[in-house]
């Protein structure tokens, strides 16, 4: 079995139990990842004047995450160990365990860190100017470029491989990643429809359709190793360009009477019965 196959089949297995004096398990949030205050409840005797409680120093946490990113990128998830990460991050293994109980928790924190950064960047590409085609082309190009990077593809493989037995990992990844992207698009489509620049009855459905169109033929072949390496900027531009034109062919502004007088029920209407 290859390294990547091993990663898909069995990642997120906890590291072997560490020494008895290692820190206790950290708290988790509802999505299965580390909570924001994980490790923030040290024994009072360990707190020293002028020093943050163990596990709460943001600079040290950033140092660990940056080291972990380099290790995971170079070795893959399955081959990387907490020893490797501690060495690359320049911290002791004991310090590493104060912040993250095991490799699974560290990997989830790293995904969340990258995801929040990229979502902010994507949201900044949406503006309310009248050229909706240009806005969607700009947004979709950045989105697909990000989605097909080696790191993003590797993360998606790992999450898909573990979701069957750890569904909270998959739900958290989806809610805070693709789900946020859909929300950004849907809100934008609401505004453009209200201004008459688009004609959309169900903006949530339209957001899903557009997000799928823009990476058609680009992402799935990478996930299954049919292709290796991200697509070229020219190929991304070609696929995105066709997707935007297809989207406007249906959802562009319509003259009176060109849209069915009895549109299909929206996803919200279906859910409400």
C-alpha atoms as a PDB file:
ATOM      1  CA  UNK A   1       0.000   0.000   0.000  1.00  0.00           C
ATOM      2  CA  UNK A   2       1.365   3.394  -0.945  1.00  0.00           C
ATOM      3  CA  UNK A   3       1.781   6.280   1.481  1.00  0.00           C
ATOM      4  CA  UNK A   4      -1.237   8.113   0.076  1.00  0.00           C
ATOM      5  CA  UNK A   5      -3.370   4.959   0.171  1.00  0.00           C
ATOM      6  CA  UNK A   6      -2.385   4.438   3.780  1.00  0.00           C
ATOM      7  CA  UNK A   7      -3.330   8.029   4.547  1.00  0.00           C
ATOM      8  CA  UNK A   8      -6.781   7.601   3.050  1.00  0.00           C
ATOM      9  CA  UNK A   9      -7.373   4.247   4.700  1.00  0.00           C
ATOM     10  CA  UNK A  10      -6.230   4.918   8.224  1.00  0.00           C
ATOM     11  CA  UNK A  11      -5.158   8.388   9.216  1.00  0.00           C
ATOM     12  CA  UNK A  12      -6.117  10.194  12.383  1.00  0.00           C
ATOM     13  CA  UNK A  13      -5.094   7.175  14.435  1.00  0.00           C
ATOM     14  CA  UNK A  14      -3.848   8.571  17.738  1.00  0.00           C
ATOM     15  CA  UNK A  15      -0.139   8.418  18.444  1.00  0.00           C
ATOM     16  CA  UNK A  16       0.951   5.649  20.816  1.00  0.00           C
ATOM     17  CA  UNK A  17       0.235   6.550  24.402  1.00  0.00           C
ATOM     18  CA  UNK A  18       2.837   8.936  25.717  1.00  0.00           C
ATOM     19  CA  UNK A  19       4.495   8.958  29.063  1.00  0.00           C
ATOM     20  CA  UNK A  20       2.382   8.925  32.249  1.00  0.00           C
ATOM     21  CA  UNK A  21       3.382  12.480  33.101  1.00  0.00           C
ATOM     22  CA  UNK A  22       2.201  13.845  29.744  1.00  0.00           C
ATOM     23  CA  UNK A  23      -0.560  16.485  29.864  1.00  0.00           C
ATOM     24  CA  UNK A  24      -4.185  15.331  30.077  1.00  0.00           C
ATOM     25  CA  UNK A  25      -6.504  15.249  27.054  1.00  0.00           C
ATOM     26  CA  UNK A  26      -7.540  18.632  25.728  1.00  0.00           C
ATOM     27  CA  UNK A  27     -11.094  19.888  25.482  1.00  0.00           C
ATOM     28  CA  UNK A  28     -12.908  19.618  22.141  1.00  0.00           C
ATOM     29  CA  UNK A  29     -15.502  21.757  20.497  1.00  0.00           C
ATOM     30  CA  UNK A  30     -18.719  20.547  18.906  1.00  0.00           C
ATOM     31  CA  UNK A  31     -17.038  19.927  15.537  1.00  0.00           C
ATOM     32  CA  UNK A  32     -14.573  17.436  16.984  1.00  0.00           C
ATOM     33  CA  UNK A  33     -11.591  19.788  16.831  1.00  0.00           C
ATOM     34  CA  UNK A  34      -9.742  21.434  19.664  1.00  0.00           C
ATOM     35  CA  UNK A  35     -11.736  24.098  21.429  1.00  0.00           C
ATOM     36  CA  UNK A  36     -10.432  27.645  21.501  1.00  0.00           C
ATOM     37  CA  UNK A  37      -9.584  27.332  25.184  1.00  0.00           C
ATOM     38  CA  UNK A  38      -8.206  23.805  24.934  1.00  0.00           C
ATOM     39  CA  UNK A  39      -5.447  23.340  27.440  1.00  0.00           C
ATOM     40  CA  UNK A  40      -6.317  26.603  29.260  1.00  0.00           C
ATOM     41  CA  UNK A  41      -7.045  25.055  32.639  1.00  0.00           C
ATOM     42  CA  UNK A  42      -3.647  24.292  34.161  1.00  0.00           C
ATOM     43  CA  UNK A  43      -3.157  23.687  37.833  1.00  0.00           C
ATOM     44  CA  UNK A  44      -2.985  27.046  39.604  1.00  0.00           C
ATOM     45  CA  UNK A  45       0.427  26.212  40.998  1.00  0.00           C
ATOM     46  CA  UNK A  46       1.849  26.103  37.465  1.00  0.00           C
ATOM     47  CA  UNK A  47       0.826  29.673  36.623  1.00  0.00           C
ATOM     48  CA  UNK A  48       3.654  32.154  37.068  1.00  0.00           C
ATOM     49  CA  UNK A  49       3.418  35.928  37.252  1.00  0.00           C
ATOM     50  CA  UNK A  50       3.904  37.519  33.816  1.00  0.00           C
ATOM     51  CA  UNK A  51       3.660  34.221  31.944  1.00  0.00           C
ATOM     52  CA  UNK A  52       0.653  32.793  30.117  1.00  0.00           C
ATOM     53  CA  UNK A  53      -0.802  29.543  31.454  1.00  0.00           C
ATOM     54  CA  UNK A  54       0.519  26.422  29.767  1.00  0.00           C
ATOM     55  CA  UNK A  55      -0.942  25.930  26.316  1.00  0.00           C
ATOM     56  CA  UNK A  56      -2.187  29.495  25.795  1.00  0.00           C
ATOM     57  CA  UNK A  57       0.768  31.333  24.258  1.00  0.00           C
ATOM     58  CA  UNK A  58      -0.402  32.308  20.724  1.00  0.00           C
ATOM     59  CA  UNK A  59       3.165  32.769  19.438  1.00  0.00           C
ATOM     60  CA  UNK A  60       4.151  29.289  20.591  1.00  0.00           C
ATOM     61  CA  UNK A  61       0.987  27.800  19.102  1.00  0.00           C
ATOM     62  CA  UNK A  62       1.744  29.521  15.785  1.00  0.00           C
ATOM     63  CA  UNK A  63       5.295  28.187  15.905  1.00  0.00           C
ATOM     64  CA  UNK A  64       3.975  24.643  16.337  1.00  0.00           C
ATOM     65  CA  UNK A  65       1.394  24.969  13.556  1.00  0.00           C
ATOM     66  CA  UNK A  66       3.974  26.312  11.109  1.00  0.00           C
ATOM     67  CA  UNK A  67       6.324  23.449  11.919  1.00  0.00           C
ATOM     68  CA  UNK A  68       3.502  20.935  11.543  1.00  0.00           C
ATOM     69  CA  UNK A  69       2.538  22.379   8.154  1.00  0.00           C
ATOM     70  CA  UNK A  70       6.085  21.852   6.881  1.00  0.00           C
ATOM     71  CA  UNK A  71       6.187  18.292   8.193  1.00  0.00           C
ATOM     72  CA  UNK A  72       2.783  17.275   6.819  1.00  0.00           C
ATOM     73  CA  UNK A  73       3.597  18.831   3.438  1.00  0.00           C
ATOM     74  CA  UNK A  74       6.921  17.006   3.204  1.00  0.00           C
ATOM     75  CA  UNK A  75       5.964  13.631   4.708  1.00  0.00           C
ATOM     76  CA  UNK A  76       2.197  13.291   4.470  1.00  0.00           C
ATOM     77  CA  UNK A  77      -0.016  12.676   7.465  1.00  0.00           C
ATOM     78  CA  UNK A  78       0.603   8.976   7.962  1.00  0.00           C
ATOM     79  CA  UNK A  79       4.414   9.167   7.981  1.00  0.00           C
ATOM     80  CA  UNK A  80       4.670  12.232  10.205  1.00  0.00           C
ATOM     81  CA  UNK A  81       5.106  11.760  13.940  1.00  0.00           C
ATOM     82  CA  UNK A  82       4.823  14.054  16.920  1.00  0.00           C
ATOM     83  CA  UNK A  83       8.606  13.718  17.297  1.00  0.00           C
ATOM     84  CA  UNK A  84       9.073  15.001  13.742  1.00  0.00           C
ATOM     85  CA  UNK A  85       6.760  17.940  14.392  1.00  0.00           C
ATOM     86  CA  UNK A  86       8.383  18.873  17.690  1.00  0.00           C
ATOM     87  CA  UNK A  87      11.821  18.820  16.078  1.00  0.00           C
ATOM     88  CA  UNK A  88      10.734  20.906  13.068  1.00  0.00           C
ATOM     89  CA  UNK A  89       8.845  23.400  15.262  1.00  0.00           C
ATOM     90  CA  UNK A  90      11.810  23.778  17.619  1.00  0.00           C
ATOM     91  CA  UNK A  91       9.922  22.767  20.767  1.00  0.00           C
ATOM     92  CA  UNK A  92      10.198  19.892  23.181  1.00  0.00           C
ATOM     93  CA  UNK A  93       7.803  16.981  22.843  1.00  0.00           C
ATOM     94  CA  UNK A  94       6.427  17.825  26.281  1.00  0.00           C
ATOM     95  CA  UNK A  95       5.597  21.347  25.132  1.00  0.00           C
ATOM     96  CA  UNK A  96       3.942  19.981  21.995  1.00  0.00           C
ATOM     97  CA  UNK A  97       1.645  17.764  24.084  1.00  0.00           C
ATOM     98  CA  UNK A  98       0.622  20.738  26.219  1.00  0.00           C
ATOM     99  CA  UNK A  99      -0.899  22.323  23.108  1.00  0.00           C
ATOM    100  CA  UNK A 100      -2.067  19.230  21.213  1.00  0.00           C
ATOM    101  CA  UNK A 101      -2.796  15.820  22.646  1.00  0.00           C
ATOM    102  CA  UNK A 102      -2.014  13.912  19.456  1.00  0.00           C
ATOM    103  CA  UNK A 103      -1.476  14.214  15.732  1.00  0.00           C
ATOM    104  CA  UNK A 104      -5.190  14.145  14.897  1.00  0.00           C
ATOM    105  CA  UNK A 105      -5.890  17.205  17.021  1.00  0.00           C
ATOM    106  CA  UNK A 106      -2.902  19.077  15.616  1.00  0.00           C
ATOM    107  CA  UNK A 107      -3.933  18.323  12.047  1.00  0.00           C
ATOM    108  CA  UNK A 108      -7.500  19.554  12.694  1.00  0.00           C
ATOM    109  CA  UNK A 109      -6.143  22.793  14.176  1.00  0.00           C
ATOM    110  CA  UNK A 110      -3.898  23.278  11.155  1.00  0.00           C
ATOM    111  CA  UNK A 111      -6.829  22.775   8.751  1.00  0.00           C
ATOM    112  CA  UNK A 112      -8.939  25.284  10.684  1.00  0.00           C
ATOM    113  CA  UNK A 113      -6.119  27.822  10.653  1.00  0.00           C
ATOM    114  CA  UNK A 114      -5.657  27.586   6.885  1.00  0.00           C
ATOM    115  CA  UNK A 115      -9.401  27.480   6.202  1.00  0.00           C
ATOM    116  CA  UNK A 116     -10.198  30.693   8.083  1.00  0.00           C
ATOM    117  CA  UNK A 117      -7.417  32.535   6.288  1.00  0.00           C
ATOM    118  CA  UNK A 118      -8.529  31.438   2.822  1.00  0.00           C
ATOM    119  CA  UNK A 119     -12.227  32.053   3.436  1.00  0.00           C
ATOM    120  CA  UNK A 120     -11.435  35.634   4.390  1.00  0.00           C
ATOM    121  CA  UNK A 121      -9.455  36.037   1.176  1.00  0.00           C
ATOM    122  CA  UNK A 122     -12.288  34.621  -0.938  1.00  0.00           C
ATOM    123  CA  UNK A 123     -14.896  36.805   0.730  1.00  0.00           C
ATOM    124  CA  UNK A 124     -12.801  39.885  -0.032  1.00  0.00           C
ATOM    125  CA  UNK A 125     -13.044  39.095  -3.770  1.00  0.00           C
ATOM    126  CA  UNK A 126     -16.832  39.603  -3.772  1.00  0.00           C
ATOM    127  CA  UNK A 127     -17.946  43.142  -4.511  1.00  0.00           C
ATOM    128  CA  UNK A 128     -21.259  44.724  -5.448  1.00  0.00           C
ATOM    129  CA  UNK A 129     -20.179  46.305  -8.711  1.00  0.00           C
ATOM    130  CA  UNK A 130     -22.446  45.946 -11.753  1.00  0.00           C
ATOM    131  CA  UNK A 131     -20.131  43.523 -13.614  1.00  0.00           C
ATOM    132  CA  UNK A 132     -21.317  40.276 -12.030  1.00  0.00           C
ATOM    133  CA  UNK A 133     -19.499  38.163 -14.615  1.00  0.00           C
ATOM    134  CA  UNK A 134     -16.182  39.734 -13.666  1.00  0.00           C
ATOM    135  CA  UNK A 135     -16.836  39.248  -9.956  1.00  0.00           C
ATOM    136  CA  UNK A 136     -17.797  35.594 -10.365  1.00  0.00           C
ATOM    137  CA  UNK A 137     -14.859  34.912 -12.664  1.00  0.00           C
ATOM    138  CA  UNK A 138     -12.432  36.477 -10.184  1.00  0.00           C
ATOM    139  CA  UNK A 139     -13.939  34.604  -7.228  1.00  0.00           C
ATOM    140  CA  UNK A 140     -14.150  31.255  -9.016  1.00  0.00           C
ATOM    141  CA  UNK A 141     -10.586  31.446 -10.326  1.00  0.00           C
ATOM    142  CA  UNK A 142      -9.228  32.008  -6.818  1.00  0.00           C
ATOM    143  CA  UNK A 143     -11.525  29.320  -5.380  1.00  0.00           C
ATOM    144  CA  UNK A 144     -10.519  26.630  -7.872  1.00  0.00           C
ATOM    145  CA  UNK A 145      -6.839  27.555  -7.667  1.00  0.00           C
ATOM    146  CA  UNK A 146      -7.001  27.077  -3.889  1.00  0.00           C
ATOM    147  CA  UNK A 147      -9.106  23.912  -4.055  1.00  0.00           C
ATOM    148  CA  UNK A 148      -6.686  22.148  -6.411  1.00  0.00           C
ATOM    149  CA  UNK A 149      -3.410  22.912  -4.627  1.00  0.00           C
ATOM    150  CA  UNK A 150      -1.450  19.878  -3.440  1.00  0.00           C
ATOM    151  CA  UNK A 151      -2.119  20.766   0.202  1.00  0.00           C
ATOM    152  CA  UNK A 152      -5.880  21.226  -0.247  1.00  0.00           C
ATOM    153  CA  UNK A 153      -6.226  17.987  -2.203  1.00  0.00           C
ATOM    154  CA  UNK A 154      -4.264  16.081   0.444  1.00  0.00           C
ATOM    155  CA  UNK A 155      -6.450  17.501   3.211  1.00  0.00           C
ATOM    156  CA  UNK A 156      -9.651  16.548   1.380  1.00  0.00           C
ATOM    157  CA  UNK A 157      -8.420  12.974   0.885  1.00  0.00           C
ATOM    158  CA  UNK A 158      -7.573  12.652   4.564  1.00  0.00           C
ATOM    159  CA  UNK A 159     -10.917  14.060   5.739  1.00  0.00           C
ATOM    160  CA  UNK A 160     -12.897  11.856   3.349  1.00  0.00           C
ATOM    161  CA  UNK A 161     -10.967   8.807   4.528  1.00  0.00           C
ATOM    162  CA  UNK A 162     -11.689   9.376   8.204  1.00  0.00           C
ATOM    163  CA  UNK A 163     -15.282  10.667   8.065  1.00  0.00           C
ATOM    164  CA  UNK A 164     -16.923   7.223   8.044  1.00  0.00           C
ATOM    165  CA  UNK A 165     -15.640   6.419  11.544  1.00  0.00           C
ATOM    166  CA  UNK A 166     -15.237   9.984  12.819  1.00  0.00           C
ATOM    167  CA  UNK A 167     -18.189  11.863  11.300  1.00  0.00           C
ATOM    168  CA  UNK A 168     -17.648  14.924  13.479  1.00  0.00           C
ATOM    169  CA  UNK A 169     -14.407  15.575  11.583  1.00  0.00           C
ATOM    170  CA  UNK A 170     -16.243  15.549   8.265  1.00  0.00           C
ATOM    171  CA  UNK A 171     -19.134  17.660   9.527  1.00  0.00           C
ATOM    172  CA  UNK A 172     -16.820  20.258  11.019  1.00  0.00           C
ATOM    173  CA  UNK A 173     -14.696  20.424   7.881  1.00  0.00           C
ATOM    174  CA  UNK A 174     -17.779  20.788   5.692  1.00  0.00           C
ATOM    175  CA  UNK A 175     -19.576  23.335   7.859  1.00  0.00           C
ATOM    176  CA  UNK A 176     -16.566  25.603   8.283  1.00  0.00           C
ATOM    177  CA  UNK A 177     -15.225  25.119   4.745  1.00  0.00           C
ATOM    178  CA  UNK A 178     -17.505  24.416   1.763  1.00  0.00           C
ATOM    179  CA  UNK A 179     -20.569  25.439   3.766  1.00  0.00           C
ATOM    180  CA  UNK A 180     -19.098  28.896   4.386  1.00  0.00           C
ATOM    181  CA  UNK A 181     -18.295  29.278   0.700  1.00  0.00           C
ATOM    182  CA  UNK A 182     -21.903  28.486  -0.201  1.00  0.00           C
ATOM    183  CA  UNK A 183     -23.112  31.055   2.317  1.00  0.00           C
ATOM    184  CA  UNK A 184     -20.853  33.736   0.801  1.00  0.00           C
ATOM    185  CA  UNK A 185     -22.192  33.046  -2.692  1.00  0.00           C
ATOM    186  CA  UNK A 186     -25.822  32.796  -1.616  1.00  0.00           C
ATOM    187  CA  UNK A 187     -25.710  36.154   0.158  1.00  0.00           C
ATOM    188  CA  UNK A 188     -24.107  37.727  -2.891  1.00  0.00           C
ATOM    189  CA  UNK A 189     -26.708  36.207  -5.224  1.00  0.00           C
ATOM    190  CA  UNK A 190     -29.487  37.566  -2.994  1.00  0.00           C
ATOM    191  CA  UNK A 191     -28.116  41.084  -3.387  1.00  0.00           C
ATOM    192  CA  UNK A 192     -27.595  40.806  -7.141  1.00  0.00           C
ATOM    193  CA  UNK A 193     -31.082  39.352  -7.653  1.00  0.00           C
ATOM    194  CA  UNK A 194     -32.619  42.195  -5.666  1.00  0.00           C
ATOM    195  CA  UNK A 195     -30.872  44.644  -8.012  1.00  0.00           C
ATOM    196  CA  UNK A 196     -32.050  42.819 -11.122  1.00  0.00           C
ATOM    197  CA  UNK A 197     -28.524  41.782 -12.156  1.00  0.00           C
ATOM    198  CA  UNK A 198     -29.388  38.108 -11.698  1.00  0.00           C
ATOM    199  CA  UNK A 199     -32.695  36.227 -11.767  1.00  0.00           C
ATOM    200  CA  UNK A 200     -32.513  33.479  -9.140  1.00  0.00           C
ATOM    201  CA  UNK A 201     -35.434  31.884  -7.307  1.00  0.00           C
ATOM    202  CA  UNK A 202     -33.314  29.680  -5.011  1.00  0.00           C
ATOM    203  CA  UNK A 203     -29.946  31.280  -4.278  1.00  0.00           C
ATOM    204  CA  UNK A 204     -28.748  28.400  -2.098  1.00  0.00           C
ATOM    205  CA  UNK A 205     -29.274  25.888  -4.900  1.00  0.00           C
ATOM    206  CA  UNK A 206     -27.700  28.274  -7.407  1.00  0.00           C
ATOM    207  CA  UNK A 207     -24.654  28.619  -5.133  1.00  0.00           C
ATOM    208  CA  UNK A 208     -24.189  24.861  -5.027  1.00  0.00           C
ATOM    209  CA  UNK A 209     -24.566  24.617  -8.787  1.00  0.00           C
ATOM    210  CA  UNK A 210     -22.033  27.351  -9.466  1.00  0.00           C
ATOM    211  CA  UNK A 211     -19.471  25.996  -6.993  1.00  0.00           C
ATOM    212  CA  UNK A 212     -19.683  22.574  -8.657  1.00  0.00           C
ATOM    213  CA  UNK A 213     -19.514  23.930 -12.208  1.00  0.00           C
ATOM    214  CA  UNK A 214     -16.304  25.862 -11.673  1.00  0.00           C
ATOM    215  CA  UNK A 215     -14.202  22.830 -10.706  1.00  0.00           C
ATOM    216  CA  UNK A 216     -15.796  20.302 -13.072  1.00  0.00           C
ATOM    217  CA  UNK A 217     -13.046  18.057 -14.540  1.00  0.00           C
ATOM    218  CA  UNK A 218     -10.410  19.683 -12.318  1.00  0.00           C
ATOM    219  CA  UNK A 219     -10.852  18.522  -8.721  1.00  0.00           C
ATOM    220  CA  UNK A 220     -12.178  14.968  -8.797  1.00  0.00           C
ATOM    221  CA  UNK A 221      -9.403  13.580 -11.026  1.00  0.00           C
ATOM    222  CA  UNK A 222      -6.917  14.907  -8.464  1.00  0.00           C
ATOM    223  CA  UNK A 223      -8.745  13.375  -5.493  1.00  0.00           C
ATOM    224  CA  UNK A 224      -8.592   9.926  -7.104  1.00  0.00           C
ATOM    225  CA  UNK A 225      -5.045  10.328  -8.457  1.00  0.00           C
ATOM    226  CA  UNK A 226      -6.170  10.143 -12.060  1.00  0.00           C
ATOM    227  CA  UNK A 227      -4.148  13.317 -12.454  1.00  0.00           C
ATOM    228  CA  UNK A 228      -1.153  14.366 -10.374  1.00  0.00           C
ATOM    229  CA  UNK A 229      -0.398  18.011  -9.796  1.00  0.00           C
ATOM    230  CA  UNK A 230      -2.718  21.022  -9.960  1.00  0.00           C
ATOM    231  CA  UNK A 231      -4.212  22.223 -13.261  1.00  0.00           C
ATOM    232  CA  UNK A 232      -2.548  25.050 -15.145  1.00  0.00           C
ATOM    233  CA  UNK A 233      -3.857  28.629 -14.876  1.00  0.00           C
ATOM    234  CA  UNK A 234      -4.936  28.327 -18.511  1.00  0.00           C
ATOM    235  CA  UNK A 235      -7.020  25.218 -17.809  1.00  0.00           C
ATOM    236  CA  UNK A 236      -8.603  26.808 -14.745  1.00  0.00           C
ATOM    237  CA  UNK A 237      -9.437  29.907 -16.806  1.00  0.00           C
ATOM    238  CA  UNK A 238     -11.039  27.767 -19.532  1.00  0.00           C
ATOM    239  CA  UNK A 239     -13.233  25.767 -17.145  1.00  0.00           C
ATOM    240  CA  UNK A 240     -14.219  28.795 -15.066  1.00  0.00           C
ATOM    241  CA  UNK A 241     -15.061  30.777 -18.197  1.00  0.00           C
ATOM    242  CA  UNK A 242     -17.428  28.072 -19.441  1.00  0.00           C
ATOM    243  CA  UNK A 243     -18.977  27.735 -15.967  1.00  0.00           C
ATOM    244  CA  UNK A 244     -19.729  31.454 -15.728  1.00  0.00           C
ATOM    245  CA  UNK A 245     -21.334  31.473 -19.175  1.00  0.00           C
ATOM    246  CA  UNK A 246     -23.452  28.410 -18.353  1.00  0.00           C
ATOM    247  CA  UNK A 247     -24.528  30.031 -15.095  1.00  0.00           C
ATOM    248  CA  UNK A 248     -25.589  33.240 -16.840  1.00  0.00           C
ATOM    249  CA  UNK A 249     -27.421  31.332 -19.558  1.00  0.00           C
ATOM    250  CA  UNK A 250     -29.934  30.274 -16.905  1.00  0.00           C
ATOM    251  CA  UNK A 251     -29.590  32.778 -14.082  1.00  0.00           C
ATOM    252  CA  UNK A 252     -28.793  35.940 -16.009  1.00  0.00           C
ATOM    253  CA  UNK A 253     -31.350  38.791 -16.102  1.00  0.00           C
ATOM    254  CA  UNK A 254     -34.482  37.682 -17.972  1.00  0.00           C
ATOM    255  CA  UNK A 255     -36.925  39.709 -19.977  1.00  0.00           C
ATOM    256  CA  UNK A 256     -40.579  39.540 -18.947  1.00  0.00           C
ATOM    257  CA  UNK A 257     -42.086  36.174 -19.798  1.00  0.00           C
ATOM    258  CA  UNK A 258     -38.824  34.364 -20.485  1.00  0.00           C
ATOM    259  CA  UNK A 259     -38.873  32.523 -17.166  1.00  0.00           C
ATOM    260  CA  UNK A 260     -41.515  29.966 -16.283  1.00  0.00           C
ATOM    261  CA  UNK A 261     -44.503  31.510 -14.536  1.00  0.00           C
ATOM    262  CA  UNK A 262     -44.598  28.558 -12.155  1.00  0.00           C
ATOM    263  CA  UNK A 263     -41.003  27.973 -10.973  1.00  0.00           C
ATOM    264  CA  UNK A 264     -40.009  24.806  -9.171  1.00  0.00           C
ATOM    265  CA  UNK A 265     -40.206  25.003  -5.360  1.00  0.00           C
ATOM    266  CA  UNK A 266     -37.062  26.233  -3.631  1.00  0.00           C
ATOM    267  CA  UNK A 267     -34.994  24.025  -1.357  1.00  0.00           C
ATOM    268  CA  UNK A 268     -36.305  26.012   1.632  1.00  0.00           C
ATOM    269  CA  UNK A 269     -39.915  25.428   0.566  1.00  0.00           C
ATOM    270  CA  UNK A 270     -39.231  21.721   0.156  1.00  0.00           C
ATOM    271  CA  UNK A 271     -37.690  21.538   3.638  1.00  0.00           C
ATOM    272  CA  UNK A 272     -40.681  23.338   5.151  1.00  0.00           C
ATOM    273  CA  UNK A 273     -43.092  20.966   3.425  1.00  0.00           C
END
